[in-house]
Amino acid sequence: MKLVKGLALGGLLAAAAPLYAADYAIDTQGAHASVNFRINHLGFSYVTGRFEKFSGQFSYDAANPNAASVQVEIDPASVDTNHAERDKHLRSADFLDVENNPKVSFVSTAYTTDGNGGGVLAGDLSLNGVTKPVEIQVSQIGEGEDPGAATAPASTAPRS
């Protein structure tokens, strides 16, 4: 369960449009979102990692940021710490037990802005059949129109 302490959801509110409330799908194909973690390793160093497969959506209204909401699902079998044997152990019943728990989920329950482009996203994290409340520090890193959206061809082909 120590893995939960380092769970970070990056970029979830970064793409929000400034003028109106909207719903967004989290961009899991590009470099706009990631699910990362950092955990203390035996008191000597930190192990960092990420989950390669996840999906989700969020709603954001710049006029009412405290109404923001987020929902994310993570495939725990996609854990990657850049060490194959450790990843195999993390997938085992000792940690993520991916065979019996094929999904990790986060559903927000509240967002409180700090008035400076950041805030705290509170929600319920479900992992290994246990749901616990967590709080995630959020920082806004930018917003606006996608400059490539008007010129990029639409594609429904899956990316590899």
N, C-alpha and C. Protein backbone atom coordinates (compact mmCIF):
# COMPACT_ATOMS: atom_id res chain seq x y z
N MET A 1 0.81 -1.19 0.00
CA MET A 1 0.00 0.00 0.00
C MET A 1 0.86 1.26 0.00
N LYS A 2 2.17 1.14 0.26
CA LYS A 2 3.02 2.32 0.22
C LYS A 2 3.05 2.94 -1.17
N LEU A 3 2.76 2.12 -2.17
CA LEU A 3 2.73 2.61 -3.55
C LEU A 3 1.72 3.74 -3.69
N VAL A 4 0.63 3.67 -2.94
CA VAL A 4 -0.42 4.68 -3.01
C VAL A 4 0.12 6.05 -2.62
N LYS A 5 1.03 6.11 -1.65
CA LYS A 5 1.55 7.38 -1.18
C LYS A 5 2.22 8.17 -2.28
N GLY A 6 2.83 7.48 -3.24
CA GLY A 6 3.54 8.20 -4.28
C GLY A 6 2.75 8.40 -5.55
N LEU A 7 1.51 8.01 -5.56
CA LEU A 7 0.72 8.11 -6.78
C LEU A 7 0.47 9.57 -7.13
N ALA A 8 0.78 9.94 -8.34
CA ALA A 8 0.55 11.32 -8.79
C ALA A 8 -0.12 11.30 -10.13
N LEU A 9 -1.11 12.12 -10.29
CA LEU A 9 -1.79 12.24 -11.56
C LEU A 9 -1.38 13.58 -12.16
N GLY A 10 -0.60 13.54 -13.22
CA GLY A 10 -0.09 14.78 -13.78
C GLY A 10 -0.88 15.25 -14.98
N GLY A 11 -1.04 16.54 -15.09
CA GLY A 11 -1.60 17.17 -16.26
C GLY A 11 -3.10 17.04 -16.42
N LEU A 12 -3.83 16.61 -15.41
CA LEU A 12 -5.25 16.36 -15.58
C LEU A 12 -6.05 17.63 -15.81
N LEU A 13 -5.69 18.71 -15.16
CA LEU A 13 -6.44 19.94 -15.31
C LEU A 13 -5.73 20.92 -16.23
N ALA A 14 -4.61 20.53 -16.82
CA ALA A 14 -3.79 21.45 -17.58
C ALA A 14 -4.40 21.88 -18.90
N ALA A 15 -5.26 21.09 -19.50
CA ALA A 15 -5.78 21.41 -20.82
C ALA A 15 -7.15 22.07 -20.78
N ALA A 16 -7.57 22.58 -19.66
CA ALA A 16 -8.91 23.12 -19.53
C ALA A 16 -9.05 24.45 -20.25
N ALA A 17 -10.15 24.63 -20.95
CA ALA A 17 -10.43 25.88 -21.65
C ALA A 17 -10.84 26.95 -20.65
N PRO A 18 -10.41 28.19 -20.86
CA PRO A 18 -10.62 29.22 -19.86
C PRO A 18 -12.00 29.87 -19.85
N LEU A 19 -12.84 29.69 -20.86
CA LEU A 19 -14.04 30.49 -20.98
C LEU A 19 -15.33 29.82 -20.57
N TYR A 20 -15.38 28.52 -20.50
CA TYR A 20 -16.63 27.85 -20.21
C TYR A 20 -16.37 26.47 -19.64
N ALA A 21 -17.42 25.96 -19.02
CA ALA A 21 -17.31 24.61 -18.47
C ALA A 21 -17.27 23.61 -19.62
N ALA A 22 -16.47 22.60 -19.46
CA ALA A 22 -16.38 21.60 -20.51
C ALA A 22 -15.94 20.27 -19.92
N ASP A 23 -16.23 19.22 -20.67
CA ASP A 23 -15.80 17.87 -20.32
C ASP A 23 -14.67 17.48 -21.25
N TYR A 24 -13.67 16.78 -20.72
CA TYR A 24 -12.49 16.42 -21.49
C TYR A 24 -12.15 14.95 -21.29
N ALA A 25 -11.62 14.34 -22.32
CA ALA A 25 -11.02 13.01 -22.19
C ALA A 25 -9.54 13.23 -21.93
N ILE A 26 -8.97 12.49 -21.02
CA ILE A 26 -7.55 12.62 -20.74
C ILE A 26 -6.77 12.04 -21.92
N ASP A 27 -5.81 12.80 -22.42
CA ASP A 27 -5.01 12.40 -23.57
C ASP A 27 -3.97 11.38 -23.14
N THR A 28 -4.27 10.11 -23.36
CA THR A 28 -3.34 9.05 -22.96
C THR A 28 -2.38 8.68 -24.08
N GLN A 29 -2.58 9.23 -25.26
CA GLN A 29 -1.71 8.91 -26.41
C GLN A 29 -0.55 9.88 -26.55
N GLY A 30 -0.68 11.05 -26.02
CA GLY A 30 0.37 12.06 -26.16
C GLY A 30 1.14 12.23 -24.87
N ALA A 31 1.83 13.32 -24.79
CA ALA A 31 2.66 13.61 -23.62
C ALA A 31 1.94 14.55 -22.66
N HIS A 32 0.61 14.56 -22.69
CA HIS A 32 -0.13 15.53 -21.90
C HIS A 32 -0.57 15.02 -20.54
N ALA A 33 -0.52 13.74 -20.31
CA ALA A 33 -0.93 13.19 -19.02
C ALA A 33 -0.12 11.95 -18.73
N SER A 34 0.06 11.69 -17.45
CA SER A 34 0.77 10.48 -17.03
C SER A 34 0.33 10.12 -15.62
N VAL A 35 0.52 8.87 -15.27
CA VAL A 35 0.26 8.41 -13.92
C VAL A 35 1.60 7.87 -13.41
N ASN A 36 2.19 8.63 -12.50
CA ASN A 36 3.54 8.36 -12.01
C ASN A 36 3.52 8.12 -10.50
N PHE A 37 4.57 7.50 -10.01
CA PHE A 37 4.71 7.36 -8.57
C PHE A 37 6.19 7.38 -8.21
N ARG A 38 6.43 7.68 -6.94
CA ARG A 38 7.77 7.66 -6.36
C ARG A 38 7.62 7.09 -4.96
N ILE A 39 8.44 6.10 -4.64
CA ILE A 39 8.34 5.44 -3.34
C ILE A 39 9.73 5.24 -2.75
N ASN A 40 9.81 5.40 -1.45
CA ASN A 40 11.07 5.21 -0.75
C ASN A 40 11.49 3.75 -0.86
N HIS A 41 12.74 3.52 -1.21
CA HIS A 41 13.27 2.18 -1.38
C HIS A 41 14.29 1.89 -0.27
N LEU A 42 13.85 1.15 0.74
CA LEU A 42 14.70 0.69 1.84
C LEU A 42 15.38 1.83 2.60
N GLY A 43 14.83 3.04 2.49
CA GLY A 43 15.39 4.18 3.21
C GLY A 43 16.65 4.76 2.60
N PHE A 44 17.06 4.26 1.43
CA PHE A 44 18.30 4.71 0.82
C PHE A 44 18.12 5.51 -0.46
N SER A 45 17.02 5.28 -1.13
CA SER A 45 16.80 5.95 -2.41
C SER A 45 15.31 5.93 -2.72
N TYR A 46 14.97 6.42 -3.89
CA TYR A 46 13.58 6.39 -4.34
C TYR A 46 13.48 5.60 -5.63
N VAL A 47 12.41 4.84 -5.74
CA VAL A 47 12.07 4.17 -6.99
C VAL A 47 10.97 5.00 -7.63
N THR A 48 11.15 5.34 -8.89
CA THR A 48 10.11 6.04 -9.62
C THR A 48 9.55 5.09 -10.67
N GLY A 49 8.31 5.31 -11.00
CA GLY A 49 7.68 4.48 -12.01
C GLY A 49 6.45 5.13 -12.55
N ARG A 50 5.80 4.41 -13.44
CA ARG A 50 4.58 4.91 -14.06
C ARG A 50 3.70 3.75 -14.46
N PHE A 51 2.46 4.07 -14.73
CA PHE A 51 1.54 3.11 -15.30
C PHE A 51 1.32 3.52 -16.75
N GLU A 52 1.62 2.61 -17.65
CA GLU A 52 1.57 2.91 -19.08
C GLU A 52 0.16 2.96 -19.64
N LYS A 53 -0.78 2.26 -19.04
CA LYS A 53 -2.15 2.19 -19.57
C LYS A 53 -3.13 2.76 -18.55
N PHE A 54 -3.84 3.78 -18.97
CA PHE A 54 -4.86 4.40 -18.14
C PHE A 54 -5.82 5.16 -19.03
N SER A 55 -6.95 5.51 -18.49
CA SER A 55 -7.93 6.31 -19.22
C SER A 55 -8.69 7.15 -18.22
N GLY A 56 -9.39 8.14 -18.72
CA GLY A 56 -10.18 8.94 -17.80
C GLY A 56 -10.74 10.18 -18.46
N GLN A 57 -11.48 10.91 -17.65
CA GLN A 57 -12.06 12.16 -18.12
C GLN A 57 -12.11 13.13 -16.95
N PHE A 58 -12.28 14.41 -17.31
CA PHE A 58 -12.44 15.42 -16.28
C PHE A 58 -13.31 16.55 -16.80
N SER A 59 -13.91 17.26 -15.87
CA SER A 59 -14.71 18.44 -16.17
C SER A 59 -14.06 19.62 -15.48
N TYR A 60 -14.07 20.76 -16.17
CA TYR A 60 -13.45 21.96 -15.59
C TYR A 60 -14.18 23.20 -16.08
N ASP A 61 -14.41 24.11 -15.17
CA ASP A 61 -15.02 25.40 -15.47
C ASP A 61 -14.17 26.47 -14.79
N ALA A 62 -13.48 27.29 -15.57
CA ALA A 62 -12.60 28.33 -15.01
C ALA A 62 -13.38 29.30 -14.14
N ALA A 63 -14.66 29.51 -14.44
CA ALA A 63 -15.49 30.41 -13.63
C ALA A 63 -15.87 29.78 -12.29
N ASN A 64 -15.78 28.46 -12.20
CA ASN A 64 -16.13 27.74 -10.97
C ASN A 64 -15.18 26.54 -10.81
N PRO A 65 -13.89 26.80 -10.58
CA PRO A 65 -12.92 25.69 -10.52
C PRO A 65 -13.20 24.67 -9.43
N ASN A 66 -13.86 25.07 -8.35
CA ASN A 66 -14.13 24.11 -7.28
C ASN A 66 -15.16 23.06 -7.68
N ALA A 67 -15.78 23.23 -8.84
CA ALA A 67 -16.73 22.22 -9.35
C ALA A 67 -16.03 21.19 -10.23
N ALA A 68 -14.71 21.27 -10.37
CA ALA A 68 -13.97 20.33 -11.21
C ALA A 68 -14.14 18.90 -10.70
N SER A 69 -14.13 17.95 -11.64
CA SER A 69 -14.22 16.55 -11.26
C SER A 69 -13.32 15.72 -12.18
N VAL A 70 -12.84 14.61 -11.66
CA VAL A 70 -11.91 13.74 -12.38
C VAL A 70 -12.27 12.29 -12.11
N GLN A 71 -12.16 11.47 -13.14
CA GLN A 71 -12.30 10.02 -12.99
C GLN A 71 -11.22 9.36 -13.82
N VAL A 72 -10.45 8.45 -13.22
CA VAL A 72 -9.34 7.78 -13.90
C VAL A 72 -9.39 6.29 -13.59
N GLU A 73 -9.13 5.47 -14.62
CA GLU A 73 -8.95 4.03 -14.44
C GLU A 73 -7.55 3.67 -14.91
N ILE A 74 -6.88 2.83 -14.15
CA ILE A 74 -5.49 2.46 -14.41
C ILE A 74 -5.40 0.94 -14.52
N ASP A 75 -4.63 0.48 -15.48
CA ASP A 75 -4.33 -0.94 -15.61
C ASP A 75 -3.07 -1.22 -14.79
N PRO A 76 -3.19 -1.84 -13.61
CA PRO A 76 -2.02 -2.04 -12.76
C PRO A 76 -0.97 -2.97 -13.39
N ALA A 77 -1.38 -3.80 -14.34
CA ALA A 77 -0.42 -4.68 -15.01
C ALA A 77 0.54 -3.89 -15.89
N SER A 78 0.23 -2.61 -16.13
CA SER A 78 1.10 -1.78 -16.97
C SER A 78 2.17 -1.05 -16.18
N VAL A 79 2.36 -1.43 -14.92
CA VAL A 79 3.38 -0.77 -14.10
C VAL A 79 4.76 -0.92 -14.74
N ASP A 80 5.54 0.17 -14.70
CA ASP A 80 6.88 0.17 -15.29
C ASP A 80 7.81 1.00 -14.42
N THR A 81 8.78 0.32 -13.79
CA THR A 81 9.80 0.99 -12.99
C THR A 81 11.17 0.89 -13.65
N ASN A 82 11.19 0.46 -14.89
CA ASN A 82 12.44 0.28 -15.64
C ASN A 82 13.31 -0.84 -15.05
N HIS A 83 12.65 -1.82 -14.45
CA HIS A 83 13.35 -2.97 -13.87
C HIS A 83 12.40 -4.17 -13.96
N ALA A 84 12.59 -5.04 -14.92
CA ALA A 84 11.63 -6.10 -15.24
C ALA A 84 11.31 -7.00 -14.05
N GLU A 85 12.30 -7.42 -13.28
CA GLU A 85 12.04 -8.32 -12.16
C GLU A 85 11.25 -7.61 -11.06
N ARG A 86 11.56 -6.34 -10.80
CA ARG A 86 10.79 -5.60 -9.80
C ARG A 86 9.35 -5.43 -10.29
N ASP A 87 9.17 -5.12 -11.57
CA ASP A 87 7.81 -4.95 -12.11
C ASP A 87 7.01 -6.24 -11.98
N LYS A 88 7.66 -7.37 -12.24
CA LYS A 88 7.01 -8.67 -12.08
C LYS A 88 6.55 -8.86 -10.63
N HIS A 89 7.41 -8.49 -9.68
CA HIS A 89 7.07 -8.61 -8.26
C HIS A 89 5.93 -7.65 -7.90
N LEU A 90 5.95 -6.44 -8.45
CA LEU A 90 4.88 -5.49 -8.17
C LEU A 90 3.53 -5.99 -8.68
N ARG A 91 3.53 -6.73 -9.78
CA ARG A 91 2.29 -7.28 -10.34
C ARG A 91 1.75 -8.46 -9.53
N SER A 92 2.60 -9.05 -8.71
CA SER A 92 2.25 -10.26 -7.96
C SER A 92 1.27 -9.96 -6.83
N ALA A 93 0.81 -11.02 -6.18
CA ALA A 93 -0.11 -10.90 -5.05
C ALA A 93 0.53 -10.16 -3.87
N ASP A 94 1.86 -10.03 -3.84
CA ASP A 94 2.53 -9.29 -2.77
C ASP A 94 2.19 -7.80 -2.81
N PHE A 95 1.86 -7.28 -4.00
CA PHE A 95 1.62 -5.85 -4.14
C PHE A 95 0.31 -5.55 -4.86
N LEU A 96 0.33 -5.48 -6.17
CA LEU A 96 -0.84 -5.06 -6.95
C LEU A 96 -1.82 -6.18 -7.24
N ASP A 97 -1.38 -7.41 -7.16
CA ASP A 97 -2.24 -8.57 -7.38
C ASP A 97 -3.12 -8.39 -8.62
N VAL A 98 -2.46 -8.14 -9.75
CA VAL A 98 -3.18 -7.80 -10.98
C VAL A 98 -4.09 -8.92 -11.47
N GLU A 99 -3.78 -10.14 -11.12
CA GLU A 99 -4.63 -11.26 -11.55
C GLU A 99 -6.02 -11.16 -10.93
N ASN A 100 -6.09 -10.77 -9.67
CA ASN A 100 -7.37 -10.66 -8.98
C ASN A 100 -7.94 -9.25 -8.94
N ASN A 101 -7.11 -8.26 -9.26
CA ASN A 101 -7.52 -6.86 -9.22
C ASN A 101 -7.03 -6.15 -10.48
N PRO A 102 -7.74 -6.33 -11.59
CA PRO A 102 -7.27 -5.82 -12.88
C PRO A 102 -7.46 -4.33 -13.11
N LYS A 103 -7.97 -3.62 -12.11
CA LYS A 103 -8.23 -2.20 -12.30
C LYS A 103 -7.96 -1.42 -11.02
N VAL A 104 -7.34 -0.26 -11.17
CA VAL A 104 -7.21 0.72 -10.10
C VAL A 104 -8.04 1.91 -10.55
N SER A 105 -8.78 2.52 -9.65
CA SER A 105 -9.57 3.68 -10.05
C SER A 105 -9.43 4.82 -9.06
N PHE A 106 -9.59 6.03 -9.60
CA PHE A 106 -9.64 7.24 -8.79
C PHE A 106 -10.86 8.02 -9.24
N VAL A 107 -11.70 8.41 -8.28
CA VAL A 107 -12.87 9.23 -8.55
C VAL A 107 -12.81 10.41 -7.58
N SER A 108 -12.77 11.61 -8.14
CA SER A 108 -12.68 12.79 -7.28
C SER A 108 -13.97 12.99 -6.49
N THR A 109 -13.81 13.57 -5.31
CA THR A 109 -14.95 13.91 -4.47
C THR A 109 -15.04 15.42 -4.25
N ALA A 110 -13.91 16.14 -4.44
CA ALA A 110 -13.90 17.59 -4.25
C ALA A 110 -12.62 18.16 -4.84
N TYR A 111 -12.69 19.40 -5.24
CA TYR A 111 -11.51 20.15 -5.65
C TYR A 111 -11.57 21.50 -4.96
N THR A 112 -10.47 21.88 -4.34
CA THR A 112 -10.38 23.16 -3.66
C THR A 112 -9.23 23.94 -4.26
N THR A 113 -9.55 25.06 -4.92
CA THR A 113 -8.53 25.89 -5.54
C THR A 113 -7.78 26.68 -4.48
N ASP A 114 -6.53 26.98 -4.76
CA ASP A 114 -5.75 27.83 -3.87
C ASP A 114 -5.76 29.28 -4.34
N GLY A 115 -6.45 29.55 -5.47
CA GLY A 115 -6.53 30.91 -6.00
C GLY A 115 -5.34 31.32 -6.83
N ASN A 116 -4.34 30.46 -6.95
CA ASN A 116 -3.13 30.77 -7.70
C ASN A 116 -2.86 29.76 -8.82
N GLY A 117 -3.90 29.14 -9.34
CA GLY A 117 -3.73 28.17 -10.42
C GLY A 117 -3.49 26.76 -9.94
N GLY A 118 -3.60 26.53 -8.67
CA GLY A 118 -3.41 25.18 -8.14
C GLY A 118 -4.49 24.87 -7.13
N GLY A 119 -4.30 23.77 -6.43
CA GLY A 119 -5.25 23.40 -5.41
C GLY A 119 -5.07 21.97 -4.98
N VAL A 120 -6.08 21.44 -4.34
CA VAL A 120 -6.06 20.07 -3.84
C VAL A 120 -7.26 19.33 -4.42
N LEU A 121 -6.97 18.21 -5.07
CA LEU A 121 -7.99 17.33 -5.61
C LEU A 121 -8.16 16.17 -4.65
N ALA A 122 -9.32 16.08 -4.03
CA ALA A 122 -9.61 14.98 -3.11
C ALA A 122 -10.42 13.93 -3.84
N GLY A 123 -10.23 12.67 -3.47
CA GLY A 123 -11.01 11.63 -4.11
C GLY A 123 -10.78 10.29 -3.46
N ASP A 124 -11.44 9.30 -4.03
CA ASP A 124 -11.34 7.93 -3.54
C ASP A 124 -10.49 7.10 -4.49
N LEU A 125 -9.44 6.50 -3.97
CA LEU A 125 -8.56 5.64 -4.73
C LEU A 125 -8.88 4.19 -4.35
N SER A 126 -9.24 3.40 -5.37
CA SER A 126 -9.53 1.98 -5.14
C SER A 126 -8.41 1.15 -5.71
N LEU A 127 -7.79 0.34 -4.84
CA LEU A 127 -6.62 -0.45 -5.19
C LEU A 127 -6.69 -1.75 -4.41
N ASN A 128 -6.56 -2.87 -5.10
CA ASN A 128 -6.61 -4.19 -4.45
C ASN A 128 -7.88 -4.40 -3.66
N GLY A 129 -9.00 -3.90 -4.17
CA GLY A 129 -10.28 -4.10 -3.50
C GLY A 129 -10.51 -3.23 -2.29
N VAL A 130 -9.61 -2.29 -2.04
CA VAL A 130 -9.73 -1.39 -0.90
C VAL A 130 -9.83 0.04 -1.44
N THR A 131 -10.77 0.81 -0.91
CA THR A 131 -10.94 2.20 -1.31
C THR A 131 -10.58 3.09 -0.14
N LYS A 132 -9.70 4.07 -0.42
CA LYS A 132 -9.27 5.01 0.63
C LYS A 132 -9.28 6.41 0.06
N PRO A 133 -9.54 7.40 0.92
CA PRO A 133 -9.48 8.79 0.46
C PRO A 133 -8.02 9.23 0.28
N VAL A 134 -7.77 9.99 -0.77
CA VAL A 134 -6.45 10.55 -1.01
C VAL A 134 -6.61 12.00 -1.43
N GLU A 135 -5.55 12.77 -1.25
CA GLU A 135 -5.51 14.15 -1.72
C GLU A 135 -4.30 14.31 -2.63
N ILE A 136 -4.51 15.01 -3.75
CA ILE A 136 -3.46 15.20 -4.73
C ILE A 136 -3.27 16.69 -4.95
N GLN A 137 -2.05 17.17 -4.79
CA GLN A 137 -1.73 18.56 -5.09
C GLN A 137 -1.80 18.76 -6.60
N VAL A 138 -2.48 19.80 -7.04
CA VAL A 138 -2.65 20.08 -8.46
C VAL A 138 -2.05 21.45 -8.77
N SER A 139 -1.32 21.53 -9.87
CA SER A 139 -0.77 22.80 -10.35
C SER A 139 -1.20 23.00 -11.79
N GLN A 140 -1.68 24.19 -12.09
CA GLN A 140 -2.03 24.50 -13.47
C GLN A 140 -0.76 24.92 -14.19
N ILE A 141 -0.50 24.31 -15.33
CA ILE A 141 0.72 24.62 -16.06
C ILE A 141 0.44 25.34 -17.37
N GLY A 142 -0.81 25.53 -17.71
CA GLY A 142 -1.17 26.25 -18.93
C GLY A 142 -2.53 25.84 -19.41
N GLU A 143 -3.04 26.61 -20.34
CA GLU A 143 -4.34 26.31 -20.94
C GLU A 143 -4.44 27.07 -22.25
N GLY A 144 -5.36 26.67 -23.09
CA GLY A 144 -5.59 27.36 -24.35
C GLY A 144 -5.94 26.41 -25.46
N GLU A 145 -6.12 26.99 -26.62
CA GLU A 145 -6.44 26.22 -27.81
C GLU A 145 -5.23 25.38 -28.23
N ASP A 146 -5.49 24.20 -28.75
CA ASP A 146 -4.45 23.34 -29.28
C ASP A 146 -4.03 23.88 -30.65
N PRO A 147 -2.78 24.37 -30.79
CA PRO A 147 -2.38 24.96 -32.06
C PRO A 147 -2.37 23.96 -33.21
N GLY A 148 -2.28 22.69 -32.94
CA GLY A 148 -2.28 21.68 -33.99
C GLY A 148 -3.66 21.15 -34.33
N ALA A 149 -4.65 21.53 -33.55
CA ALA A 149 -5.99 20.98 -33.75
C ALA A 149 -6.59 21.37 -35.10
N ALA A 150 -6.36 22.58 -35.56
CA ALA A 150 -6.98 23.04 -36.80
C ALA A 150 -6.31 22.44 -38.03
N THR A 151 -5.03 22.08 -37.92
CA THR A 151 -4.31 21.60 -39.08
C THR A 151 -4.06 20.10 -39.07
N ALA A 152 -4.16 19.49 -37.92
CA ALA A 152 -3.87 18.06 -37.83
C ALA A 152 -5.03 17.26 -38.40
N PRO A 153 -4.76 16.26 -39.25
CA PRO A 153 -5.84 15.44 -39.80
C PRO A 153 -6.46 14.58 -38.72
N ALA A 154 -7.75 14.40 -38.80
CA ALA A 154 -8.44 13.54 -37.85
C ALA A 154 -8.09 12.10 -38.17
N SER A 155 -7.92 11.31 -37.14
CA SER A 155 -7.58 9.90 -37.34
C SER A 155 -8.27 9.06 -36.28
N THR A 156 -8.79 7.94 -36.72
CA THR A 156 -9.38 7.01 -35.77
C THR A 156 -8.51 5.77 -35.63
N ALA A 157 -7.38 5.78 -36.32
CA ALA A 157 -6.48 4.62 -36.25
C ALA A 157 -5.81 4.56 -34.90
N PRO A 158 -5.71 3.39 -34.30
CA PRO A 158 -5.01 3.28 -33.02
C PRO A 158 -3.53 3.57 -33.21
N ARG A 159 -2.96 4.17 -32.16
CA ARG A 159 -1.54 4.47 -32.18
C ARG A 159 -0.79 3.37 -31.46
N SER A 160 0.40 3.05 -31.93
CA SER A 160 1.18 2.01 -31.25
C SER A 160 2.39 2.59 -30.58
